[in-house]
Structures are given as C-alpha cells and as structure tokens.
Amino acid sequence: GYMEDPNIPRALKACRKQGIKFDIMST
C-alpha cells in the first residue's frame, strides 16, 4: 500500500503459503 514500508524479505515470507520455498540467506 502507499502508506507501507517496502520490506522485501518480510514480504517474501508470504511466498511459502503459495508453495514456493526458499531460504532468504541462500537467495
């Protein structure tokens, strides 16, 4: 949203719920 802080690593946690699994520290 236009009032939110763009934190990509935190947002990418939602990928796990859609079947994409990865370790942010090996990405």
mmCIF file of all heavy atoms, coordinates in Angstrom:
data_MODEL
# 
_entry.id   MODEL 
# 
loop_
_atom_site.group_PDB 
_atom_site.id 
_atom_site.type_symbol 
_atom_site.label_atom_id 
_atom_site.label_alt_id 
_atom_site.label_comp_id 
_atom_site.label_asym_id 
_atom_site.label_entity_id 
_atom_site.label_seq_id 
_atom_site.pdbx_PDB_ins_code 
_atom_site.Cartn_x 
_atom_site.Cartn_y 
_atom_site.Cartn_z 
_atom_site.occupancy 
_atom_site.B_iso_or_equiv 
_atom_site.pdbx_formal_charge 
_atom_site.auth_seq_id 
_atom_site.auth_comp_id 
_atom_site.auth_asym_id 
_atom_site.auth_atom_id 
_atom_site.pdbx_PDB_model_num 
ATOM 1   N N   . GLY A 1 1  ? 0.846  -1.184  0.000  1.00 0.00 ? 1  GLY A N   1 
ATOM 2   C CA  . GLY A 1 1  ? 0.000  0.000   0.000  1.00 0.00 ? 1  GLY A CA  1 
ATOM 3   C C   . GLY A 1 1  ? 0.883  1.237   0.000  1.00 0.00 ? 1  GLY A C   1 
ATOM 4   O O   . GLY A 1 1  ? 2.070  1.182   0.341  1.00 0.00 ? 1  GLY A O   1 
ATOM 5   N N   . TYR A 1 2  ? 0.312  2.377   -0.376 1.00 0.00 ? 2  TYR A N   1 
ATOM 6   C CA  . TYR A 1 2  ? 1.124  3.582   -0.500 1.00 0.00 ? 2  TYR A CA  1 
ATOM 7   C C   . TYR A 1 2  ? 1.506  4.180   0.851  1.00 0.00 ? 2  TYR A C   1 
ATOM 8   O O   . TYR A 1 2  ? 2.200  5.197   0.915  1.00 0.00 ? 2  TYR A O   1 
ATOM 9   C CB  . TYR A 1 2  ? 0.420  4.635   -1.367 1.00 0.00 ? 2  TYR A CB  1 
ATOM 10  C CG  . TYR A 1 2  ? -0.894 5.148   -0.832 1.00 0.00 ? 2  TYR A CG  1 
ATOM 11  C CD1 . TYR A 1 2  ? -0.939 6.200   0.066  1.00 0.00 ? 2  TYR A CD1 1 
ATOM 12  C CD2 . TYR A 1 2  ? -2.098 4.589   -1.249 1.00 0.00 ? 2  TYR A CD2 1 
ATOM 13  C CE1 . TYR A 1 2  ? -2.149 6.667   0.557  1.00 0.00 ? 2  TYR A CE1 1 
ATOM 14  C CE2 . TYR A 1 2  ? -3.299 5.045   -0.767 1.00 0.00 ? 2  TYR A CE2 1 
ATOM 15  C CZ  . TYR A 1 2  ? -3.324 6.084   0.130  1.00 0.00 ? 2  TYR A CZ  1 
ATOM 16  O OH  . TYR A 1 2  ? -4.527 6.552   0.613  1.00 0.00 ? 2  TYR A OH  1 
ATOM 17  N N   . MET A 1 3  ? 1.068  3.564   1.946  1.00 0.00 ? 3  MET A N   1 
ATOM 18  C CA  . MET A 1 3  ? 1.472  4.024   3.269  1.00 0.00 ? 3  MET A CA  1 
ATOM 19  C C   . MET A 1 3  ? 2.358  3.002   3.972  1.00 0.00 ? 3  MET A C   1 
ATOM 20  O O   . MET A 1 3  ? 2.627  3.129   5.157  1.00 0.00 ? 3  MET A O   1 
ATOM 21  C CB  . MET A 1 3  ? 0.234  4.296   4.135  1.00 0.00 ? 3  MET A CB  1 
ATOM 22  C CG  . MET A 1 3  ? -0.742 5.308   3.575  1.00 0.00 ? 3  MET A CG  1 
ATOM 23  S SD  . MET A 1 3  ? -0.071 6.967   3.541  1.00 0.00 ? 3  MET A SD  1 
ATOM 24  C CE  . MET A 1 3  ? -0.100 7.390   5.270  1.00 0.00 ? 3  MET A CE  1 
ATOM 25  N N   . GLU A 1 4  ? 2.827  2.002   3.259  1.00 0.00 ? 4  GLU A N   1 
ATOM 26  C CA  . GLU A 1 4  ? 3.573  0.914   3.880  1.00 0.00 ? 4  GLU A CA  1 
ATOM 27  C C   . GLU A 1 4  ? 5.070  1.031   3.640  1.00 0.00 ? 4  GLU A C   1 
ATOM 28  O O   . GLU A 1 4  ? 5.523  1.717   2.729  1.00 0.00 ? 4  GLU A O   1 
ATOM 29  C CB  . GLU A 1 4  ? 3.068  -0.435  3.359  1.00 0.00 ? 4  GLU A CB  1 
ATOM 30  C CG  . GLU A 1 4  ? 1.673  -0.795  3.822  1.00 0.00 ? 4  GLU A CG  1 
ATOM 31  C CD  . GLU A 1 4  ? 1.272  -2.176  3.385  1.00 0.00 ? 4  GLU A CD  1 
ATOM 32  O OE1 . GLU A 1 4  ? 1.060  -2.380  2.171  1.00 0.00 ? 4  GLU A OE1 1 
ATOM 33  O OE2 . GLU A 1 4  ? 1.176  -3.064  4.249  1.00 0.00 ? 4  GLU A OE2 1 
ATOM 34  N N   . ASP A 1 5  ? 5.811  0.315   4.457  1.00 0.00 ? 5  ASP A N   1 
ATOM 35  C CA  . ASP A 1 5  ? 7.254  0.262   4.356  1.00 0.00 ? 5  ASP A CA  1 
ATOM 36  C C   . ASP A 1 5  ? 7.646  -0.905  3.455  1.00 0.00 ? 5  ASP A C   1 
ATOM 37  O O   . ASP A 1 5  ? 7.271  -2.048  3.736  1.00 0.00 ? 5  ASP A O   1 
ATOM 38  C CB  . ASP A 1 5  ? 7.830  0.071   5.760  1.00 0.00 ? 5  ASP A CB  1 
ATOM 39  C CG  . ASP A 1 5  ? 9.329  0.272   5.784  1.00 0.00 ? 5  ASP A CG  1 
ATOM 40  O OD1 . ASP A 1 5  ? 9.836  0.996   4.922  1.00 0.00 ? 5  ASP A OD1 1 
ATOM 41  O OD2 . ASP A 1 5  ? 9.979  -0.300  6.677  1.00 0.00 ? 5  ASP A OD2 1 
ATOM 42  N N   . PRO A 1 6  ? 8.382  -0.678  2.359  1.00 0.00 ? 6  PRO A N   1 
ATOM 43  C CA  . PRO A 1 6  ? 8.689  -1.757  1.404  1.00 0.00 ? 6  PRO A CA  1 
ATOM 44  C C   . PRO A 1 6  ? 9.809  -2.674  1.884  1.00 0.00 ? 6  PRO A C   1 
ATOM 45  O O   . PRO A 1 6  ? 10.961 -2.535  1.485  1.00 0.00 ? 6  PRO A O   1 
ATOM 46  C CB  . PRO A 1 6  ? 9.087  -0.992  0.144  1.00 0.00 ? 6  PRO A CB  1 
ATOM 47  C CG  . PRO A 1 6  ? 9.663  0.277   0.656  1.00 0.00 ? 6  PRO A CG  1 
ATOM 48  C CD  . PRO A 1 6  ? 8.912  0.620   1.899  1.00 0.00 ? 6  PRO A CD  1 
ATOM 49  N N   . ASN A 1 7  ? 9.469  -3.607  2.732  1.00 0.00 ? 7  ASN A N   1 
ATOM 50  C CA  . ASN A 1 7  ? 10.433 -4.572  3.249  1.00 0.00 ? 7  ASN A CA  1 
ATOM 51  C C   . ASN A 1 7  ? 10.269 -5.877  2.472  1.00 0.00 ? 7  ASN A C   1 
ATOM 52  O O   . ASN A 1 7  ? 9.360  -6.674  2.730  1.00 0.00 ? 7  ASN A O   1 
ATOM 53  C CB  . ASN A 1 7  ? 10.180 -4.800  4.744  1.00 0.00 ? 7  ASN A CB  1 
ATOM 54  C CG  . ASN A 1 7  ? 11.280 -5.603  5.398  1.00 0.00 ? 7  ASN A CG  1 
ATOM 55  O OD1 . ASN A 1 7  ? 11.761 -6.580  4.839  1.00 0.00 ? 7  ASN A OD1 1 
ATOM 56  N ND2 . ASN A 1 7  ? 11.672 -5.192  6.596  1.00 0.00 ? 7  ASN A ND2 1 
ATOM 57  N N   . ILE A 1 8  ? 11.150 -6.087  1.497  1.00 0.00 ? 8  ILE A N   1 
ATOM 58  C CA  . ILE A 1 8  ? 11.028 -7.241  0.610  1.00 0.00 ? 8  ILE A CA  1 
ATOM 59  C C   . ILE A 1 8  ? 11.230 -8.567  1.338  1.00 0.00 ? 8  ILE A C   1 
ATOM 60  O O   . ILE A 1 8  ? 10.419 -9.498  1.180  1.00 0.00 ? 8  ILE A O   1 
ATOM 61  C CB  . ILE A 1 8  ? 12.005 -7.115  -0.582 1.00 0.00 ? 8  ILE A CB  1 
ATOM 62  C CG1 . ILE A 1 8  ? 11.584 -5.939  -1.484 1.00 0.00 ? 8  ILE A CG1 1 
ATOM 63  C CG2 . ILE A 1 8  ? 12.031 -8.404  -1.392 1.00 0.00 ? 8  ILE A CG2 1 
ATOM 64  C CD1 . ILE A 1 8  ? 10.234 -6.094  -2.113 1.00 0.00 ? 8  ILE A CD1 1 
ATOM 65  N N   . PRO A 1 9  ? 12.277 -8.747  2.142  1.00 0.00 ? 9  PRO A N   1 
ATOM 66  C CA  . PRO A 1 9  ? 12.444 -10.046 2.812  1.00 0.00 ? 9  PRO A CA  1 
ATOM 67  C C   . PRO A 1 9  ? 11.233 -10.428 3.650  1.00 0.00 ? 9  PRO A C   1 
ATOM 68  O O   . PRO A 1 9  ? 10.821 -11.599 3.660  1.00 0.00 ? 9  PRO A O   1 
ATOM 69  C CB  . PRO A 1 9  ? 13.687 -9.814  3.691  1.00 0.00 ? 9  PRO A CB  1 
ATOM 70  C CG  . PRO A 1 9  ? 14.467 -8.776  2.957  1.00 0.00 ? 9  PRO A CG  1 
ATOM 71  C CD  . PRO A 1 9  ? 13.428 -7.864  2.384  1.00 0.00 ? 9  PRO A CD  1 
ATOM 72  N N   . ARG A 1 10 ? 10.659 -9.458  4.351  1.00 0.00 ? 10 ARG A N   1 
ATOM 73  C CA  . ARG A 1 10 ? 9.483  -9.772  5.155  1.00 0.00 ? 10 ARG A CA  1 
ATOM 74  C C   . ARG A 1 10 ? 8.305  -10.152 4.267  1.00 0.00 ? 10 ARG A C   1 
ATOM 75  O O   . ARG A 1 10 ? 7.548  -11.077 4.573  1.00 0.00 ? 10 ARG A O   1 
ATOM 76  C CB  . ARG A 1 10 ? 9.124  -8.570  6.025  1.00 0.00 ? 10 ARG A CB  1 
ATOM 77  C CG  . ARG A 1 10 ? 7.942  -8.809  6.961  1.00 0.00 ? 10 ARG A CG  1 
ATOM 78  C CD  . ARG A 1 10 ? 7.601  -7.520  7.718  1.00 0.00 ? 10 ARG A CD  1 
ATOM 79  N NE  . ARG A 1 10 ? 8.755  -7.059  8.466  1.00 0.00 ? 10 ARG A NE  1 
ATOM 80  C CZ  . ARG A 1 10 ? 8.841  -5.834  8.982  1.00 0.00 ? 10 ARG A CZ  1 
ATOM 81  N NH1 . ARG A 1 10 ? 7.876  -4.956  8.785  1.00 0.00 ? 10 ARG A NH1 1 
ATOM 82  N NH2 . ARG A 1 10 ? 9.904  -5.479  9.676  1.00 0.00 ? 10 ARG A NH2 1 
ATOM 83  N N   . ALA A 1 11 ? 8.141  -9.439  3.143  1.00 0.00 ? 11 ALA A N   1 
ATOM 84  C CA  . ALA A 1 11 ? 7.019  -9.717  2.241  1.00 0.00 ? 11 ALA A CA  1 
ATOM 85  C C   . ALA A 1 11 ? 7.157  -11.094 1.595  1.00 0.00 ? 11 ALA A C   1 
ATOM 86  O O   . ALA A 1 11 ? 6.156  -11.777 1.345  1.00 0.00 ? 11 ALA A O   1 
ATOM 87  C CB  . ALA A 1 11 ? 6.926  -8.636  1.172  1.00 0.00 ? 11 ALA A CB  1 
ATOM 88  N N   . LEU A 1 12 ? 8.390  -11.518 1.338  1.00 0.00 ? 12 LEU A N   1 
ATOM 89  C CA  . LEU A 1 12 ? 8.595  -12.785 0.643  1.00 0.00 ? 12 LEU A CA  1 
ATOM 90  C C   . LEU A 1 12 ? 8.228  -14.002 1.486  1.00 0.00 ? 12 LEU A C   1 
ATOM 91  O O   . LEU A 1 12 ? 8.120  -15.116 0.963  1.00 0.00 ? 12 LEU A O   1 
ATOM 92  C CB  . LEU A 1 12 ? 10.054 -12.903 0.185  1.00 0.00 ? 12 LEU A CB  1 
ATOM 93  C CG  . LEU A 1 12 ? 10.466 -11.960 -0.952 1.00 0.00 ? 12 LEU A CG  1 
ATOM 94  C CD1 . LEU A 1 12 ? 11.925 -12.161 -1.313 1.00 0.00 ? 12 LEU A CD1 1 
ATOM 95  C CD2 . LEU A 1 12 ? 9.587  -12.155 -2.175 1.00 0.00 ? 12 LEU A CD2 1 
ATOM 96  N N   . LYS A 1 13 ? 8.028  -13.791 2.786  1.00 0.00 ? 13 LYS A N   1 
ATOM 97  C CA  . LYS A 1 13 ? 7.590  -14.908 3.626  1.00 0.00 ? 13 LYS A CA  1 
ATOM 98  C C   . LYS A 1 13 ? 6.241  -15.443 3.165  1.00 0.00 ? 13 LYS A C   1 
ATOM 99  O O   . LYS A 1 13 ? 5.915  -16.614 3.368  1.00 0.00 ? 13 LYS A O   1 
ATOM 100 C CB  . LYS A 1 13 ? 7.514  -14.464 5.079  1.00 0.00 ? 13 LYS A CB  1 
ATOM 101 C CG  . LYS A 1 13 ? 8.866  -14.146 5.696  1.00 0.00 ? 13 LYS A CG  1 
ATOM 102 C CD  . LYS A 1 13 ? 8.709  -13.698 7.151  1.00 0.00 ? 13 LYS A CD  1 
ATOM 103 C CE  . LYS A 1 13 ? 10.079 -13.368 7.764  1.00 0.00 ? 13 LYS A CE  1 
ATOM 104 N NZ  . LYS A 1 13 ? 9.946  -12.905 9.173  1.00 0.00 ? 13 LYS A NZ  1 
ATOM 105 N N   . ALA A 1 14 ? 5.450  -14.551 2.527  1.00 0.00 ? 14 ALA A N   1 
ATOM 106 C CA  . ALA A 1 14 ? 4.135  -14.969 2.045  1.00 0.00 ? 14 ALA A CA  1 
ATOM 107 C C   . ALA A 1 14 ? 4.244  -15.961 0.894  1.00 0.00 ? 14 ALA A C   1 
ATOM 108 O O   . ALA A 1 14 ? 3.270  -16.657 0.580  1.00 0.00 ? 14 ALA A O   1 
ATOM 109 C CB  . ALA A 1 14 ? 3.323  -13.747 1.612  1.00 0.00 ? 14 ALA A CB  1 
ATOM 110 N N   . CYS A 1 15 ? 5.421  -16.044 0.250  1.00 0.00 ? 15 CYS A N   1 
ATOM 111 C CA  . CYS A 1 15 ? 5.583  -16.989 -0.863 1.00 0.00 ? 15 CYS A CA  1 
ATOM 112 C C   . CYS A 1 15 ? 5.436  -18.439 -0.391 1.00 0.00 ? 15 CYS A C   1 
ATOM 113 O O   . CYS A 1 15 ? 5.005  -19.310 -1.159 1.00 0.00 ? 15 CYS A O   1 
ATOM 114 C CB  . CYS A 1 15 ? 6.948  -16.798 -1.523 1.00 0.00 ? 15 CYS A CB  1 
ATOM 115 S SG  . CYS A 1 15 ? 7.121  -15.231 -2.414 1.00 0.00 ? 15 CYS A SG  1 
ATOM 116 N N   . ARG A 1 16 ? 5.812  -18.697 0.850  1.00 0.00 ? 16 ARG A N   1 
ATOM 117 C CA  . ARG A 1 16 ? 5.759  -20.070 1.343  1.00 0.00 ? 16 ARG A CA  1 
ATOM 118 C C   . ARG A 1 16 ? 4.332  -20.599 1.345  1.00 0.00 ? 16 ARG A C   1 
ATOM 119 O O   . ARG A 1 16 ? 4.102  -21.789 1.144  1.00 0.00 ? 16 ARG A O   1 
ATOM 120 C CB  . ARG A 1 16 ? 6.357  -20.127 2.742  1.00 0.00 ? 16 ARG A CB  1 
ATOM 121 C CG  . ARG A 1 16 ? 7.846  -19.788 2.794  1.00 0.00 ? 16 ARG A CG  1 
ATOM 122 C CD  . ARG A 1 16 ? 8.422  -19.987 4.188  1.00 0.00 ? 16 ARG A CD  1 
ATOM 123 N NE  . ARG A 1 16 ? 9.856  -19.712 4.210  1.00 0.00 ? 16 ARG A NE  1 
ATOM 124 C CZ  . ARG A 1 16 ? 10.370 -18.533 4.536  1.00 0.00 ? 16 ARG A CZ  1 
ATOM 125 N NH1 . ARG A 1 16 ? 9.557  -17.535 4.848  1.00 0.00 ? 16 ARG A NH1 1 
ATOM 126 N NH2 . ARG A 1 16 ? 11.672 -18.361 4.548  1.00 0.00 ? 16 ARG A NH2 1 
ATOM 127 N N   . LYS A 1 17 ? 3.367  -19.696 1.575  1.00 0.00 ? 17 LYS A N   1 
ATOM 128 C CA  . LYS A 1 17 ? 1.969  -20.112 1.594  1.00 0.00 ? 17 LYS A CA  1 
ATOM 129 C C   . LYS A 1 17 ? 1.479  -20.480 0.199  1.00 0.00 ? 17 LYS A C   1 
ATOM 130 O O   . LYS A 1 17 ? 0.441  -21.131 0.061  1.00 0.00 ? 17 LYS A O   1 
ATOM 131 C CB  . LYS A 1 17 ? 1.101  -18.994 2.167  1.00 0.00 ? 17 LYS A CB  1 
ATOM 132 C CG  . LYS A 1 17 ? 1.424  -18.649 3.623  1.00 0.00 ? 17 LYS A CG  1 
ATOM 133 C CD  . LYS A 1 17 ? 0.528  -17.530 4.130  1.00 0.00 ? 17 LYS A CD  1 
ATOM 134 C CE  . LYS A 1 17 ? 0.859  -17.167 5.568  1.00 0.00 ? 17 LYS A CE  1 
ATOM 135 N NZ  . LYS A 1 17 ? 0.007  -16.063 6.089  1.00 0.00 ? 17 LYS A NZ  1 
ATOM 136 N N   . GLN A 1 18 ? 2.228  -20.057 -0.830 1.00 0.00 ? 18 GLN A N   1 
ATOM 137 C CA  . GLN A 1 18 ? 1.836  -20.370 -2.195 1.00 0.00 ? 18 GLN A CA  1 
ATOM 138 C C   . GLN A 1 18 ? 2.729  -21.439 -2.819 1.00 0.00 ? 18 GLN A C   1 
ATOM 139 O O   . GLN A 1 18 ? 2.783  -21.577 -4.037 1.00 0.00 ? 18 GLN A O   1 
ATOM 140 C CB  . GLN A 1 18 ? 1.852  -19.092 -3.044 1.00 0.00 ? 18 GLN A CB  1 
ATOM 141 C CG  . GLN A 1 18 ? 0.880  -18.026 -2.531 1.00 0.00 ? 18 GLN A CG  1 
ATOM 142 C CD  . GLN A 1 18 ? 0.660  -16.923 -3.543 1.00 0.00 ? 18 GLN A CD  1 
ATOM 143 O OE1 . GLN A 1 18 ? 0.688  -17.152 -4.760 1.00 0.00 ? 18 GLN A OE1 1 
ATOM 144 N NE2 . GLN A 1 18 ? 0.412  -15.718 -3.054 1.00 0.00 ? 18 GLN A NE2 1 
ATOM 145 N N   . GLY A 1 19 ? 3.446  -22.171 -1.960 1.00 0.00 ? 19 GLY A N   1 
ATOM 146 C CA  . GLY A 1 19 ? 4.184  -23.329 -2.443 1.00 0.00 ? 19 GLY A CA  1 
ATOM 147 C C   . GLY A 1 19 ? 5.598  -23.079 -2.885 1.00 0.00 ? 19 GLY A C   1 
ATOM 148 O O   . GLY A 1 19 ? 6.266  -23.996 -3.366 1.00 0.00 ? 19 GLY A O   1 
ATOM 149 N N   . ILE A 1 20 ? 6.094  -21.844 -2.762 1.00 0.00 ? 20 ILE A N   1 
ATOM 150 C CA  . ILE A 1 20 ? 7.472  -21.557 -3.149 1.00 0.00 ? 20 ILE A CA  1 
ATOM 151 C C   . ILE A 1 20 ? 8.307  -21.489 -1.880 1.00 0.00 ? 20 ILE A C   1 
ATOM 152 O O   . ILE A 1 20 ? 8.091  -20.629 -1.025 1.00 0.00 ? 20 ILE A O   1 
ATOM 153 C CB  . ILE A 1 20 ? 7.576  -20.233 -3.924 1.00 0.00 ? 20 ILE A CB  1 
ATOM 154 C CG1 . ILE A 1 20 ? 6.829  -20.354 -5.249 1.00 0.00 ? 20 ILE A CG1 1 
ATOM 155 C CG2 . ILE A 1 20 ? 9.035  -19.870 -4.166 1.00 0.00 ? 20 ILE A CG2 1 
ATOM 156 C CD1 . ILE A 1 20 ? 6.925  -19.127 -6.112 1.00 0.00 ? 20 ILE A CD1 1 
ATOM 157 N N   . LYS A 1 21 ? 9.253  -22.384 -1.761 1.00 0.00 ? 21 LYS A N   1 
ATOM 158 C CA  . LYS A 1 21 ? 10.072 -22.426 -0.573 1.00 0.00 ? 21 LYS A CA  1 
ATOM 159 C C   . LYS A 1 21 ? 11.509 -22.071 -0.926 1.00 0.00 ? 21 LYS A C   1 
ATOM 160 O O   . LYS A 1 21 ? 12.060 -22.562 -1.903 1.00 0.00 ? 21 LYS A O   1 
ATOM 161 C CB  . LYS A 1 21 ? 10.010 -23.818 0.059  1.00 0.00 ? 21 LYS A CB  1 
ATOM 162 C CG  . LYS A 1 21 ? 8.606  -24.201 0.546  1.00 0.00 ? 21 LYS A CG  1 
ATOM 163 C CD  . LYS A 1 21 ? 8.605  -25.579 1.182  1.00 0.00 ? 21 LYS A CD  1 
ATOM 164 C CE  . LYS A 1 21 ? 7.205  -25.954 1.664  1.00 0.00 ? 21 LYS A CE  1 
ATOM 165 N NZ  . LYS A 1 21 ? 7.172  -27.283 2.313  1.00 0.00 ? 21 LYS A NZ  1 
ATOM 166 N N   . PHE A 1 22 ? 12.084 -21.208 -0.132 1.00 0.00 ? 22 PHE A N   1 
ATOM 167 C CA  . PHE A 1 22 ? 13.488 -20.859 -0.317 1.00 0.00 ? 22 PHE A CA  1 
ATOM 168 C C   . PHE A 1 22 ? 14.000 -20.204 0.958  1.00 0.00 ? 22 PHE A C   1 
ATOM 169 O O   . PHE A 1 22 ? 13.230 -19.683 1.763  1.00 0.00 ? 22 PHE A O   1 
ATOM 170 C CB  . PHE A 1 22 ? 13.676 -19.915 -1.512 1.00 0.00 ? 22 PHE A CB  1 
ATOM 171 C CG  . PHE A 1 22 ? 12.912 -18.631 -1.405 1.00 0.00 ? 22 PHE A CG  1 
ATOM 172 C CD1 . PHE A 1 22 ? 13.475 -17.517 -0.783 1.00 0.00 ? 22 PHE A CD1 1 
ATOM 173 C CD2 . PHE A 1 22 ? 11.633 -18.521 -1.910 1.00 0.00 ? 22 PHE A CD2 1 
ATOM 174 C CE1 . PHE A 1 22 ? 12.775 -16.336 -0.687 1.00 0.00 ? 22 PHE A CE1 1 
ATOM 175 C CE2 . PHE A 1 22 ? 10.923 -17.335 -1.816 1.00 0.00 ? 22 PHE A CE2 1 
ATOM 176 C CZ  . PHE A 1 22 ? 11.492 -16.247 -1.206 1.00 0.00 ? 22 PHE A CZ  1 
ATOM 177 N N   . ASP A 1 23 ? 15.279 -20.226 1.115  1.00 0.00 ? 23 ASP A N   1 
ATOM 178 C CA  . ASP A 1 23 ? 15.945 -19.599 2.252  1.00 0.00 ? 23 ASP A CA  1 
ATOM 179 C C   . ASP A 1 23 ? 16.461 -18.241 1.804  1.00 0.00 ? 23 ASP A C   1 
ATOM 180 O O   . ASP A 1 23 ? 17.243 -18.161 0.839  1.00 0.00 ? 23 ASP A O   1 
ATOM 181 C CB  . ASP A 1 23 ? 17.092 -20.483 2.744  1.00 0.00 ? 23 ASP A CB  1 
ATOM 182 C CG  . ASP A 1 23 ? 17.815 -19.872 3.947  1.00 0.00 ? 23 ASP A CG  1 
ATOM 183 O OD1 . ASP A 1 23 ? 17.380 -18.808 4.433  1.00 0.00 ? 23 ASP A OD1 1 
ATOM 184 O OD2 . ASP A 1 23 ? 18.816 -20.465 4.391  1.00 0.00 ? 23 ASP A OD2 1 
ATOM 185 N N   . ILE A 1 24 ? 16.011 -17.191 2.478  1.00 0.00 ? 24 ILE A N   1 
ATOM 186 C CA  . ILE A 1 24 ? 16.381 -15.845 2.057  1.00 0.00 ? 24 ILE A CA  1 
ATOM 187 C C   . ILE A 1 24 ? 17.897 -15.656 2.060  1.00 0.00 ? 24 ILE A C   1 
ATOM 188 O O   . ILE A 1 24 ? 18.445 -14.892 1.268  1.00 0.00 ? 24 ILE A O   1 
ATOM 189 C CB  . ILE A 1 24 ? 15.706 -14.789 2.966  1.00 0.00 ? 24 ILE A CB  1 
ATOM 190 C CG1 . ILE A 1 24 ? 15.819 -13.383 2.349  1.00 0.00 ? 24 ILE A CG1 1 
ATOM 191 C CG2 . ILE A 1 24 ? 16.329 -14.798 4.349  1.00 0.00 ? 24 ILE A CG2 1 
ATOM 192 C CD1 . ILE A 1 24 ? 14.989 -13.174 1.151  1.00 0.00 ? 24 ILE A CD1 1 
ATOM 193 N N   . MET A 1 25 ? 18.599 -16.393 2.939  1.00 0.00 ? 25 MET A N   1 
ATOM 194 C CA  . MET A 1 25 ? 20.047 -16.235 3.026  1.00 0.00 ? 25 MET A CA  1 
ATOM 195 C C   . MET A 1 25 ? 20.800 -17.090 2.012  1.00 0.00 ? 25 MET A C   1 
ATOM 196 O O   . MET A 1 25 ? 22.028 -17.063 1.976  1.00 0.00 ? 25 MET A O   1 
ATOM 197 C CB  . MET A 1 25 ? 20.530 -16.549 4.442  1.00 0.00 ? 25 MET A CB  1 
ATOM 198 C CG  . MET A 1 25 ? 19.976 -15.602 5.499  1.00 0.00 ? 25 MET A CG  1 
ATOM 199 S SD  . MET A 1 25 ? 20.117 -13.840 5.029  1.00 0.00 ? 25 MET A SD  1 
ATOM 200 C CE  . MET A 1 25 ? 21.892 -13.644 4.971  1.00 0.00 ? 25 MET A CE  1 
ATOM 201 N N   . SER A 1 26 ? 20.078 -17.864 1.216  1.00 0.00 ? 26 SER A N   1 
ATOM 202 C CA  . SER A 1 26 ? 20.728 -18.578 0.113  1.00 0.00 ? 26 SER A CA  1 
ATOM 203 C C   . SER A 1 26 ? 20.113 -18.146 -1.212 1.00 0.00 ? 26 SER A C   1 
ATOM 204 O O   . SER A 1 26 ? 20.217 -18.851 -2.213 1.00 0.00 ? 26 SER A O   1 
ATOM 205 C CB  . SER A 1 26 ? 20.585 -20.096 0.298  1.00 0.00 ? 26 SER A CB  1 
ATOM 206 O OG  . SER A 1 26 ? 19.218 -20.478 0.253  1.00 0.00 ? 26 SER A OG  1 
ATOM 207 N N   . THR A 1 27 ? 19.476 -16.994 -1.170 1.00 0.00 ? 27 THR A N   1 
ATOM 208 C CA  . THR A 1 27 ? 18.853 -16.427 -2.363 1.00 0.00 ? 27 THR A CA  1 
ATOM 209 C C   . THR A 1 27 ? 19.673 -15.243 -2.855 1.00 0.00 ? 27 THR A C   1 
ATOM 210 O O   . THR A 1 27 ? 20.130 -14.414 -2.062 1.00 0.00 ? 27 THR A O   1 
ATOM 211 C CB  . THR A 1 27 ? 17.416 -15.955 -2.050 1.00 0.00 ? 27 THR A CB  1 
ATOM 212 O OG1 . THR A 1 27 ? 16.623 -17.075 -1.667 1.00 0.00 ? 27 THR A OG1 1 
ATOM 213 C CG2 . THR A 1 27 ? 16.787 -15.284 -3.258 1.00 0.00 ? 27 THR A CG2 1 
# 
